[in-house]
Protein backbone atom coordinates (compact mmCIF):
# COMPACT_ATOMS: atom_id res chain seq x y z
CA MET A 1 0.00 0.00 0.00
CA ARG A 2 2.80 2.42 0.97
CA GLN A 3 4.62 1.77 -2.30
CA THR A 4 1.43 2.37 -4.28
CA LEU A 5 0.73 5.68 -2.55
CA LEU A 6 4.32 6.81 -3.10
CA SER A 7 4.02 6.01 -6.81
CA LEU A 8 0.83 8.10 -6.93
CA PHE A 9 2.26 11.00 -4.92
CA ALA A 10 2.72 13.25 -7.96
CA LEU A 11 -0.88 12.73 -9.06
CA PHE A 12 -2.21 13.38 -5.56
CA LEU A 13 -0.12 16.55 -5.50
CA ALA A 14 -1.74 17.60 -8.78
CA VAL A 15 -5.18 16.91 -7.28
CA LEU A 16 -4.36 18.93 -4.15
CA THR A 17 -3.12 21.90 -6.19
CA LEU A 18 -6.10 21.71 -8.54
CA MET A 19 -8.62 21.59 -5.67
CA LEU A 20 -6.89 24.44 -3.84
CA GLY A 21 -7.42 26.58 -6.93
CA SER A 22 -10.95 25.34 -7.48
CA GLY A 23 -11.97 25.80 -3.84
CA HIS A 24 -10.58 29.33 -3.76
CA LEU A 25 -12.09 30.19 -7.13
CA GLY A 26 -15.71 29.30 -6.41
CA THR A 27 -15.96 31.20 -3.13
CA PHE A 28 -13.87 34.15 -4.30
CA LEU A 29 -15.82 34.79 -7.51
CA SER A 30 -19.19 34.94 -5.77
CA LEU A 31 -17.77 37.36 -3.18
CA ARG A 32 -16.02 39.45 -5.84
CA LEU A 33 -19.30 39.88 -7.71
CA LYS A 34 -20.99 40.85 -4.45
CA VAL A 35 -18.36 43.51 -3.73
CA ALA A 36 -18.85 44.83 -7.28
CA GLY A 37 -22.53 45.42 -6.51
CA THR A 38 -23.97 42.52 -8.51
CA PRO A 39 -27.48 41.47 -7.37
CA ASP A 40 -27.56 38.18 -5.49
CA PHE A 41 -29.89 36.51 -7.98
CA LEU A 42 -27.52 37.36 -10.84
CA ILE A 43 -24.57 35.97 -8.87
CA GLY A 44 -26.45 32.67 -8.64
CA ILE A 45 -26.98 32.61 -12.40
CA VAL A 46 -23.28 33.24 -13.08
CA MET A 47 -22.12 30.60 -10.61
CA ALA A 48 -24.53 28.04 -12.09
CA GLY A 49 -22.59 28.30 -15.34
CA PHE A 50 -19.76 26.26 -13.81
CA TYR A 51 -21.99 23.21 -13.39
CA VAL A 52 -23.39 23.60 -16.90
CA GLY A 53 -19.80 23.33 -18.11
CA LEU A 54 -19.17 20.25 -15.95
CA VAL A 55 -22.16 18.45 -17.44
CA ALA A 56 -21.18 19.43 -20.98
CA GLY A 57 -17.64 18.25 -20.29
CA ALA A 58 -18.88 14.72 -19.59
CA TRP A 59 -19.63 14.46 -23.33
CA VAL A 60 -17.03 16.83 -24.85
CA CYS A 61 -13.86 16.02 -22.89
CA PRO A 62 -13.58 12.28 -23.67
CA ARG A 63 -13.51 13.10 -27.38
CA ILE A 64 -10.71 15.63 -26.86
CA LEU A 65 -8.72 13.10 -24.81
CA GLN A 66 -9.15 10.47 -27.51
CA ARG A 67 -7.93 12.88 -30.16
CA VAL A 68 -4.82 14.45 -28.56
CA GLY A 69 -3.97 12.22 -25.59
CA HIS A 70 -4.11 12.77 -21.86
CA ILE A 71 -1.04 14.96 -21.28
CA ARG A 72 -1.72 17.33 -24.17
CA ALA A 73 -5.39 17.54 -23.24
CA PHE A 74 -4.53 18.33 -19.62
CA ALA A 75 -2.12 21.05 -20.79
CA VAL A 76 -4.82 22.53 -23.03
CA PHE A 77 -7.42 22.54 -20.26
CA ALA A 78 -4.98 24.04 -17.73
CA ALA A 79 -3.85 26.75 -20.18
CA ILE A 80 -7.44 27.69 -21.02
CA ASN A 81 -8.30 27.88 -17.33
CA CYS A 82 -5.29 30.10 -16.59
CA ALA A 83 -6.17 32.49 -19.42
CA ASN A 84 -9.83 32.35 -18.42
CA ILE A 85 -9.08 33.42 -14.84
CA LEU A 86 -6.89 36.31 -15.98
CA VAL A 87 -9.62 37.54 -18.34
CA GLN A 88 -12.08 37.51 -15.46
CA GLY A 89 -9.64 39.66 -13.50
CA VAL A 90 -9.59 42.22 -16.31
CA TRP A 91 -13.39 42.45 -16.77
CA VAL A 92 -15.32 42.14 -13.53
CA ASN A 93 -18.74 41.85 -15.13
CA ALA A 94 -21.40 39.22 -14.48
CA TRP A 95 -22.41 38.80 -18.11
CA VAL A 96 -18.79 38.50 -19.24
CA TRP A 97 -18.14 35.96 -16.51
CA LEU A 98 -21.17 33.76 -17.29
CA PRO A 99 -19.77 32.09 -20.46
CA LEU A 100 -16.32 32.01 -18.87
CA ARG A 101 -17.74 30.08 -15.91
CA VAL A 102 -19.21 27.54 -18.34
CA LEU A 103 -15.79 27.21 -19.96
CA THR A 104 -14.15 26.81 -16.54
CA GLY A 105 -16.52 23.96 -15.68
CA LEU A 106 -15.81 22.18 -18.96
CA CYS A 107 -12.04 22.47 -18.50
CA MET A 108 -12.25 21.31 -14.90
CA MET A 109 -14.14 18.21 -16.00
CA GLY A 110 -11.37 17.48 -18.50
CA MET A 111 -8.66 17.90 -15.86
CA TYR A 112 -10.54 15.67 -13.42
CA MET A 113 -10.86 13.01 -16.11
CA VAL A 114 -7.14 12.99 -16.88
CA VAL A 115 -6.00 12.74 -13.26
CA GLU A 116 -8.67 10.21 -12.29
CA SER A 117 -8.01 7.99 -15.31
CA TRP A 118 -4.33 7.87 -14.32
CA LEU A 119 -5.21 6.98 -10.74
CA ASN A 120 -7.50 4.23 -11.98
CA GLU A 121 -4.84 2.88 -14.34
CA ARG A 122 -2.11 2.74 -11.68
CA ALA A 123 -4.11 1.58 -8.65
CA PRO A 124 -4.02 -2.22 -8.15
CA ARG A 125 -7.48 -3.74 -8.01
CA GLU A 126 -7.06 -4.93 -4.42
CA LEU A 127 -6.04 -1.42 -3.25
CA ARG A 128 -8.39 0.77 -5.28
CA GLY A 129 -10.78 1.27 -2.33
CA ARG A 130 -7.98 2.77 -0.23
CA VAL A 131 -6.69 4.80 -3.18
CA PHE A 132 -10.26 6.07 -3.66
CA ALA A 133 -10.37 7.09 0.03
CA VAL A 134 -7.05 8.94 -0.18
CA TYR A 135 -8.23 10.71 -3.33
CA MET A 136 -11.40 11.86 -1.55
CA LEU A 137 -9.40 13.03 1.48
CA VAL A 138 -6.98 15.03 -0.70
CA SER A 139 -9.92 16.55 -2.61
CA TYR A 140 -11.67 17.67 0.58
CA LEU A 141 -8.44 19.05 2.05
CA GLY A 142 -7.79 21.01 -1.13
CA MET A 143 -11.32 22.40 -1.26
CA GLY A 144 -11.22 23.34 2.41
CA GLY A 145 -7.72 24.79 2.27
CA GLY A 146 -8.65 26.89 -0.75
CA GLN A 147 -11.12 28.81 1.40
CA PHE A 148 -8.35 30.22 3.57
CA LEU A 149 -6.59 31.71 0.54
CA LEU A 150 -9.31 34.38 0.66
CA ASN A 151 -7.30 35.96 3.50
CA ILE A 152 -4.22 36.78 1.43
CA ALA A 153 -5.54 40.12 0.12
CA PRO A 154 -8.67 42.31 -0.05
CA LEU A 155 -11.35 40.94 -2.36
CA GLN A 156 -10.82 43.81 -4.82
CA ASP A 157 -7.13 42.96 -5.17
CA PRO A 158 -6.33 41.20 -8.50
CA VAL A 159 -3.75 39.05 -6.70
CA HIS A 160 -6.55 36.51 -6.15
CA PHE A 161 -6.86 35.97 -9.89
CA PHE A 162 -3.09 35.66 -10.22
CA LEU A 163 -2.88 33.11 -7.41
CA ILE A 164 -5.65 30.95 -8.86
CA GLY A 165 -3.98 31.08 -12.27
CA ILE A 166 -0.67 30.05 -10.68
CA LEU A 167 -2.30 27.08 -8.93
CA PHE A 168 -3.91 25.90 -12.16
CA ALA A 169 -0.54 26.21 -13.90
CA LEU A 170 1.32 24.36 -11.12
CA CYS A 171 -1.07 21.41 -11.16
CA LEU A 172 0.11 20.84 -14.74
CA LEU A 173 3.67 20.01 -13.63
CA PRO A 174 3.13 16.62 -11.91
CA VAL A 175 1.05 15.40 -14.84
CA SER A 176 3.39 16.70 -17.53
CA LEU A 177 6.51 15.27 -15.89
CA THR A 178 5.11 11.80 -15.28
CA GLN A 179 6.87 8.96 -17.08
CA ALA A 180 3.84 6.70 -16.92
CA MET A 181 2.18 5.50 -20.08
CA HIS A 182 -1.06 7.10 -21.21
CA PRO A 183 -4.14 5.54 -19.60
CA ALA A 184 -6.65 3.76 -21.78
CA PRO A 185 -8.90 6.08 -23.85
CA ILE A 186 -12.05 7.35 -22.12
CA GLU A 187 -15.26 6.47 -23.88
CA PRO A 188 -17.97 9.15 -24.27
CA VAL A 189 -20.86 8.64 -21.87
CA HIS A 190 -24.08 6.97 -23.07
CA PHE A 191 -26.96 6.34 -20.71
CA ASN A 192 -30.44 4.89 -20.80
CA TRP A 193 -32.09 7.39 -18.50
CA SER A 194 -35.51 5.73 -18.42
CA ARG A 195 -33.89 2.43 -17.39
CA LEU A 196 -32.05 4.13 -14.56
CA TYR A 197 -35.18 5.89 -13.32
CA LYS A 198 -37.39 2.80 -13.51
CA THR A 199 -34.87 0.70 -11.60
CA ALA A 200 -33.93 3.15 -8.82
CA PRO A 201 -36.13 6.27 -8.94
CA PHE A 202 -35.25 7.45 -5.44
CA GLY A 203 -31.53 7.10 -6.15
CA MET A 204 -31.75 9.16 -9.33
CA ILE A 205 -34.00 11.82 -7.78
CA GLY A 206 -31.83 11.79 -4.65
CA ALA A 207 -28.75 12.60 -6.75
CA LEU A 208 -30.68 15.44 -8.43
CA VAL A 209 -31.84 16.82 -5.08
CA ALA A 210 -28.31 16.60 -3.65
CA GLY A 211 -27.11 18.61 -6.65
CA LEU A 212 -29.86 21.20 -6.18
CA MET A 213 -28.98 21.73 -2.53
CA ASN A 214 -25.18 21.53 -2.84
CA GLY A 215 -25.01 23.68 -5.97
CA ALA A 216 -27.15 26.39 -4.39
CA PHE A 217 -25.02 26.42 -1.25
CA TYR A 218 -21.64 26.45 -3.00
CA ALA A 219 -22.76 29.26 -5.31
CA LEU A 220 -24.54 31.51 -2.83
CA GLY A 221 -23.48 30.41 0.66
CA PRO A 222 -20.54 32.87 0.73
CA VAL A 223 -22.84 35.67 -0.43
CA TYR A 224 -25.34 34.95 2.34
CA VAL A 225 -22.79 35.05 5.16
CA ARG A 226 -21.35 38.22 3.64
CA ASN A 227 -24.83 39.74 3.76
CA ILE A 228 -25.25 38.96 7.46
CA GLY A 229 -22.01 40.73 8.35
CA LEU A 230 -19.17 38.19 8.34
CA ASP A 231 -15.76 39.43 7.25
CA VAL A 232 -13.57 37.57 4.76
CA SER A 233 -11.67 35.50 7.33
CA GLN A 234 -14.95 34.45 8.96
CA ILE A 235 -16.45 33.54 5.59
CA ALA A 236 -13.41 31.36 4.86
CA MET A 237 -13.82 29.62 8.22
CA PHE A 238 -17.57 29.13 7.67
CA MET A 239 -17.12 27.53 4.25
CA ALA A 240 -14.20 25.39 5.45
CA ALA A 241 -16.33 24.24 8.41
CA THR A 242 -19.05 22.94 6.09
CA ILE A 243 -16.49 21.05 4.01
CA LEU A 244 -14.92 19.61 7.17
CA GLY A 245 -18.36 18.48 8.33
CA GLY A 246 -18.92 16.71 5.03
CA LEU A 247 -15.61 14.88 5.36
CA LEU A 248 -16.11 13.83 8.98
CA ALA A 249 -19.66 12.58 8.42
CA GLN A 250 -18.88 10.21 5.55
CA TYR A 251 -17.95 7.19 7.67
CA PRO A 252 -20.68 7.36 10.37
CA VAL A 253 -23.42 8.06 7.83
CA GLY A 254 -22.14 5.23 5.65
CA MET A 255 -22.11 2.85 8.60
CA ILE A 256 -25.72 3.74 9.44
CA SER A 257 -26.85 3.39 5.82
CA ASP A 258 -25.37 -0.12 5.70
CA ARG A 259 -27.63 -1.17 8.56
CA ILE A 260 -31.03 0.31 7.65
CA ASP A 261 -32.98 1.15 4.50
CA ARG A 262 -31.00 3.79 2.62
CA ARG A 263 -34.16 5.65 1.61
CA THR A 264 -34.86 6.24 5.29
CA VAL A 265 -31.31 7.56 5.63
CA MET A 266 -31.73 9.83 2.59
CA ALA A 267 -35.03 11.16 3.90
CA THR A 268 -33.57 11.77 7.34
CA LEU A 269 -30.48 13.53 5.97
CA THR A 270 -32.44 15.88 3.72
CA ILE A 271 -35.05 16.68 6.38
CA LEU A 272 -32.40 17.33 9.04
CA SER A 273 -30.30 19.43 6.64
CA SER A 274 -33.45 21.44 5.88
CA LEU A 275 -34.09 22.05 9.57
CA VAL A 276 -30.46 22.99 10.22
CA SER A 277 -30.49 25.35 7.21
CA LEU A 278 -33.51 27.13 8.70
CA GLY A 279 -31.69 27.16 12.03
CA LEU A 280 -28.75 28.92 10.38
CA LEU A 281 -31.08 31.82 9.63
CA SER A 282 -31.61 32.37 13.34
CA VAL A 283 -27.98 32.12 14.50
CA ASN A 284 -26.72 35.51 15.64
CA VAL A 285 -23.39 36.48 14.08
CA ASP A 286 -22.25 37.63 17.52
CA TYR A 287 -22.09 33.94 18.44
CA ILE A 288 -19.61 33.13 15.71
CA PHE A 289 -18.53 29.75 17.09
CA ALA A 290 -22.16 28.65 17.24
CA LEU A 291 -22.36 29.57 13.56
CA TYR A 292 -19.22 27.54 12.78
CA GLY A 293 -20.57 24.58 14.74
CA SER A 294 -23.86 24.78 12.86
CA ALA A 295 -21.89 24.88 9.61
CA VAL A 296 -20.08 21.65 10.51
CA VAL A 297 -23.39 19.92 11.23
CA PHE A 298 -24.97 21.35 8.09
CA GLY A 299 -22.05 20.20 5.91
CA GLY A 300 -22.15 16.75 7.46
CA LEU A 301 -25.81 16.37 6.52
CA LEU A 302 -25.67 18.13 3.15
CA PHE A 303 -22.57 16.50 1.66
CA THR A 304 -23.47 12.92 2.58
CA SER A 305 -26.82 12.88 0.76
CA TYR A 306 -25.24 12.22 -2.64
CA PRO A 307 -23.08 9.22 -1.58
CA VAL A 308 -26.14 7.62 0.05
CA ALA A 309 -28.17 8.17 -3.14
CA VAL A 310 -25.38 6.51 -5.13
CA ALA A 311 -25.22 3.59 -2.71
CA HIS A 312 -29.01 3.14 -2.85
CA THR A 313 -28.90 3.06 -6.66
CA HIS A 314 -26.13 0.45 -6.66
CA ASP A 315 -28.29 -1.77 -4.45
CA HIS A 316 -30.50 -2.28 -7.53
CA PHE A 317 -27.70 -3.03 -10.03
CA ASP A 318 -25.02 -5.69 -10.39
CA ALA A 319 -21.32 -5.02 -9.79
CA ASN A 320 -20.57 -4.93 -13.53
CA GLN A 321 -22.95 -1.96 -13.87
CA VAL A 322 -21.47 0.20 -11.09
CA VAL A 323 -19.19 2.34 -13.28
CA THR A 324 -21.89 3.17 -15.83
CA VAL A 325 -24.56 3.85 -13.22
CA SER A 326 -22.22 6.05 -11.16
CA ALA A 327 -21.28 8.05 -14.24
CA ALA A 328 -24.96 8.64 -14.99
CA LEU A 329 -25.57 9.80 -11.43
CA ILE A 330 -22.70 12.30 -11.64
CA VAL A 331 -24.39 13.85 -14.68
CA VAL A 332 -27.72 13.94 -12.81
CA TYR A 333 -25.98 15.56 -9.84
CA GLY A 334 -24.39 18.12 -12.18
CA LEU A 335 -27.77 19.01 -13.68
CA GLY A 336 -29.13 19.55 -10.19
CA ALA A 337 -26.10 21.64 -9.22
CA ALA A 338 -26.67 23.83 -12.30
CA LEU A 339 -30.37 24.28 -11.54
CA GLY A 340 -29.87 24.81 -7.78
CA PRO A 341 -28.33 28.30 -7.96
CA LEU A 342 -30.98 29.33 -10.51
CA GLY A 343 -33.82 28.20 -8.23
CA ALA A 344 -32.20 29.76 -5.18
CA SER A 345 -31.66 33.00 -7.12
CA ALA A 346 -35.37 33.17 -7.90
CA VAL A 347 -36.27 32.72 -4.22
CA ILE A 348 -33.64 35.28 -3.19
CA TYR A 349 -35.08 37.73 -5.71
CA ALA A 350 -38.50 37.34 -4.06
CA MET A 351 -37.46 37.07 -0.39
CA GLY A 352 -34.02 38.57 0.00
CA ALA A 353 -30.81 36.95 1.25
CA SER A 354 -32.62 34.42 3.46
CA GLY A 355 -34.11 32.90 0.31
CA LEU A 356 -31.01 30.70 -0.11
CA PHE A 357 -31.67 28.59 2.96
CA VAL A 358 -35.43 28.74 2.42
CA PHE A 359 -34.83 27.18 -1.02
CA ILE A 360 -32.50 24.51 0.39
CA ALA A 361 -34.97 23.73 3.18
CA GLY A 362 -37.91 23.54 0.78
CA VAL A 363 -36.17 21.15 -1.61
CA GLY A 364 -34.92 18.95 1.22
CA LEU A 365 -38.24 18.80 3.05
CA ILE A 366 -40.25 17.93 -0.05
CA PHE A 367 -37.88 15.16 -1.09
CA GLY A 368 -37.45 13.86 2.44
CA LEU A 369 -41.16 13.67 3.20
CA VAL A 370 -42.05 12.08 -0.16
CA THR A 371 -39.23 9.54 0.21
CA TYR A 372 -40.27 8.70 3.76
CA LEU A 373 -43.92 8.22 2.80
CA ARG A 374 -43.08 6.13 -0.30
CA ARG A 375 -40.23 4.09 1.18
CA GLU A 376 -42.22 0.83 1.26
CA ALA A 377 -42.11 0.52 -2.56
CA GLY A 378 -39.24 -1.58 -3.96
CA VAL A 379 -37.59 -2.38 -0.63
CA VAL A 380 -34.06 -3.83 -0.69
CA SER A 381 -33.32 -5.79 2.47
CA VAL A 382 -30.35 -4.70 4.56
CA GLU A 383 -28.65 -8.05 3.86
CA GLU A 384 -28.82 -7.40 0.10
CA GLN A 385 -27.52 -3.83 0.26
CA GLU A 386 -24.10 -3.10 -1.23
CA PRO A 387 -21.48 -1.68 1.19
CA PHE A 388 -21.51 2.12 1.43
CA VAL A 389 -18.60 3.88 -0.29
CA PRO A 390 -17.97 7.65 0.06
CA VAL A 391 -17.89 9.27 -3.38
CA VAL A 392 -16.90 12.58 -4.92
CA SER A 393 -18.82 14.23 -7.74
CA THR A 394 -15.90 15.13 -10.00
CA SER A 395 -15.88 13.14 -13.26
CA PRO A 396 -17.32 9.80 -14.42
CA VAL A 397 -13.80 8.35 -14.60
CA ILE A 398 -13.37 8.20 -10.81
CA ASN A 399 -16.09 5.55 -10.64
CA ASN A 400 -13.60 2.99 -11.95
CA LEU A 401 -11.89 3.18 -8.53
CA ASP A 402 -15.14 2.32 -6.75
CA PRO A 403 -14.43 -0.98 -4.94
CA ARG A 404 -18.01 -2.09 -5.66
CA ALA A 405 -17.30 -2.18 -9.39
CA ASP A 406 -16.56 -5.35 -11.32
CA GLU A 407 -14.11 -3.95 -13.85
CA GLU A 408 -13.78 -7.26 -15.68
CA GLN A 409 -17.37 -7.24 -16.91
CA VAL A 410 -18.52 -3.66 -17.29
CA VAL A 411 -21.82 -3.25 -19.14
CA THR A 412 -23.83 -0.19 -20.08
CA LEU A 413 -27.43 0.57 -19.30
CA GLU A 414 -28.22 0.18 -22.99
CA GLU A 415 -26.82 -3.37 -22.92
CA ILE A 416 -28.94 -4.17 -19.88
CA GLU A 417 -32.04 -2.95 -21.69
CA THR A 418 -31.17 -4.95 -24.81
CA THR A 419 -30.58 -8.12 -22.81
CA GLU A 420 -33.91 -7.85 -21.02
CA LYS A 421 -35.77 -7.40 -24.27
């Protein structure tokens, strides 16, 4: 195991650098637009563009990788992202940033695919679960650490754009200098959506709902806490606390979901996250540590909903379908994450800043109550449930590291449909 991790050190370093830049970028851009006087609802629209690009990248990026190879493709995506960030620093305008955010999302998907395909290629089958866990840990640490880079300069200072560009450029070095052979080509994604929905409707809808809630929070959470009076260092701590909560809750939530019906777990998580989100509205900023503690709890509930939805879906499919099904769920999550900021923006436009958590609470309560009331349909016994595995919603490629997958006999949802006919 130690030898494997050492051989993957350069790739993990690339992931850490990439996620530092990505974590800093998302929070910083929403705050920079706020400082520039952009309305909150318009900030949500701009930030949603990132997830639109991620979803588009699931189809576009594999074709680029097949055409020019992994290293060249990674260099192209990193170069575009660096130039993109610098352009945003020159023109601080929401409508200029909107298409650039879409482009950022597409390039990030491509970079995720390259790194994750290399990890999958070089991780021995018997160790891929532990490699998957280390990858998730590094990703969370990068995202959380990126929040604290907000403290390096005032929000109006262009040094933030320079730093993010530098991080995106530096993450290119470990990949470019690797002597490993190119991973196998990545196939474009093809899904039978109706088959997925008919087999595991609550899993598919659960992934969509997780995207709606997470996307809304990532896009507009920093804006909300700015509106209630937190300074930049406090905003960084608040966002990092939610990410820390998500990391710490993965194992205990997974252990619980392995012992009882996952739909009950999903319903409980979304209902509790809704209640905590409403509770956040009542926390006085004078009690800052109470706000941080609430953020940890909120993150623990919010960021575990998607892995449980994935695990519930896998309970209805065989091991040789895990990779395809997981890839489909990442796209569903991305669609939800793109729609979440738009929906939250509409509620904010009508209600003001508190509309963000009202939107999150409304989505979570509706899904949680419907799931709880309908949980008797299509029950999978606890004994038949697949083991819970924490997942990250980066690119479809990472699903090859999922220890539940049978990589020797991977089939698509279209092949399943054809066989049954």
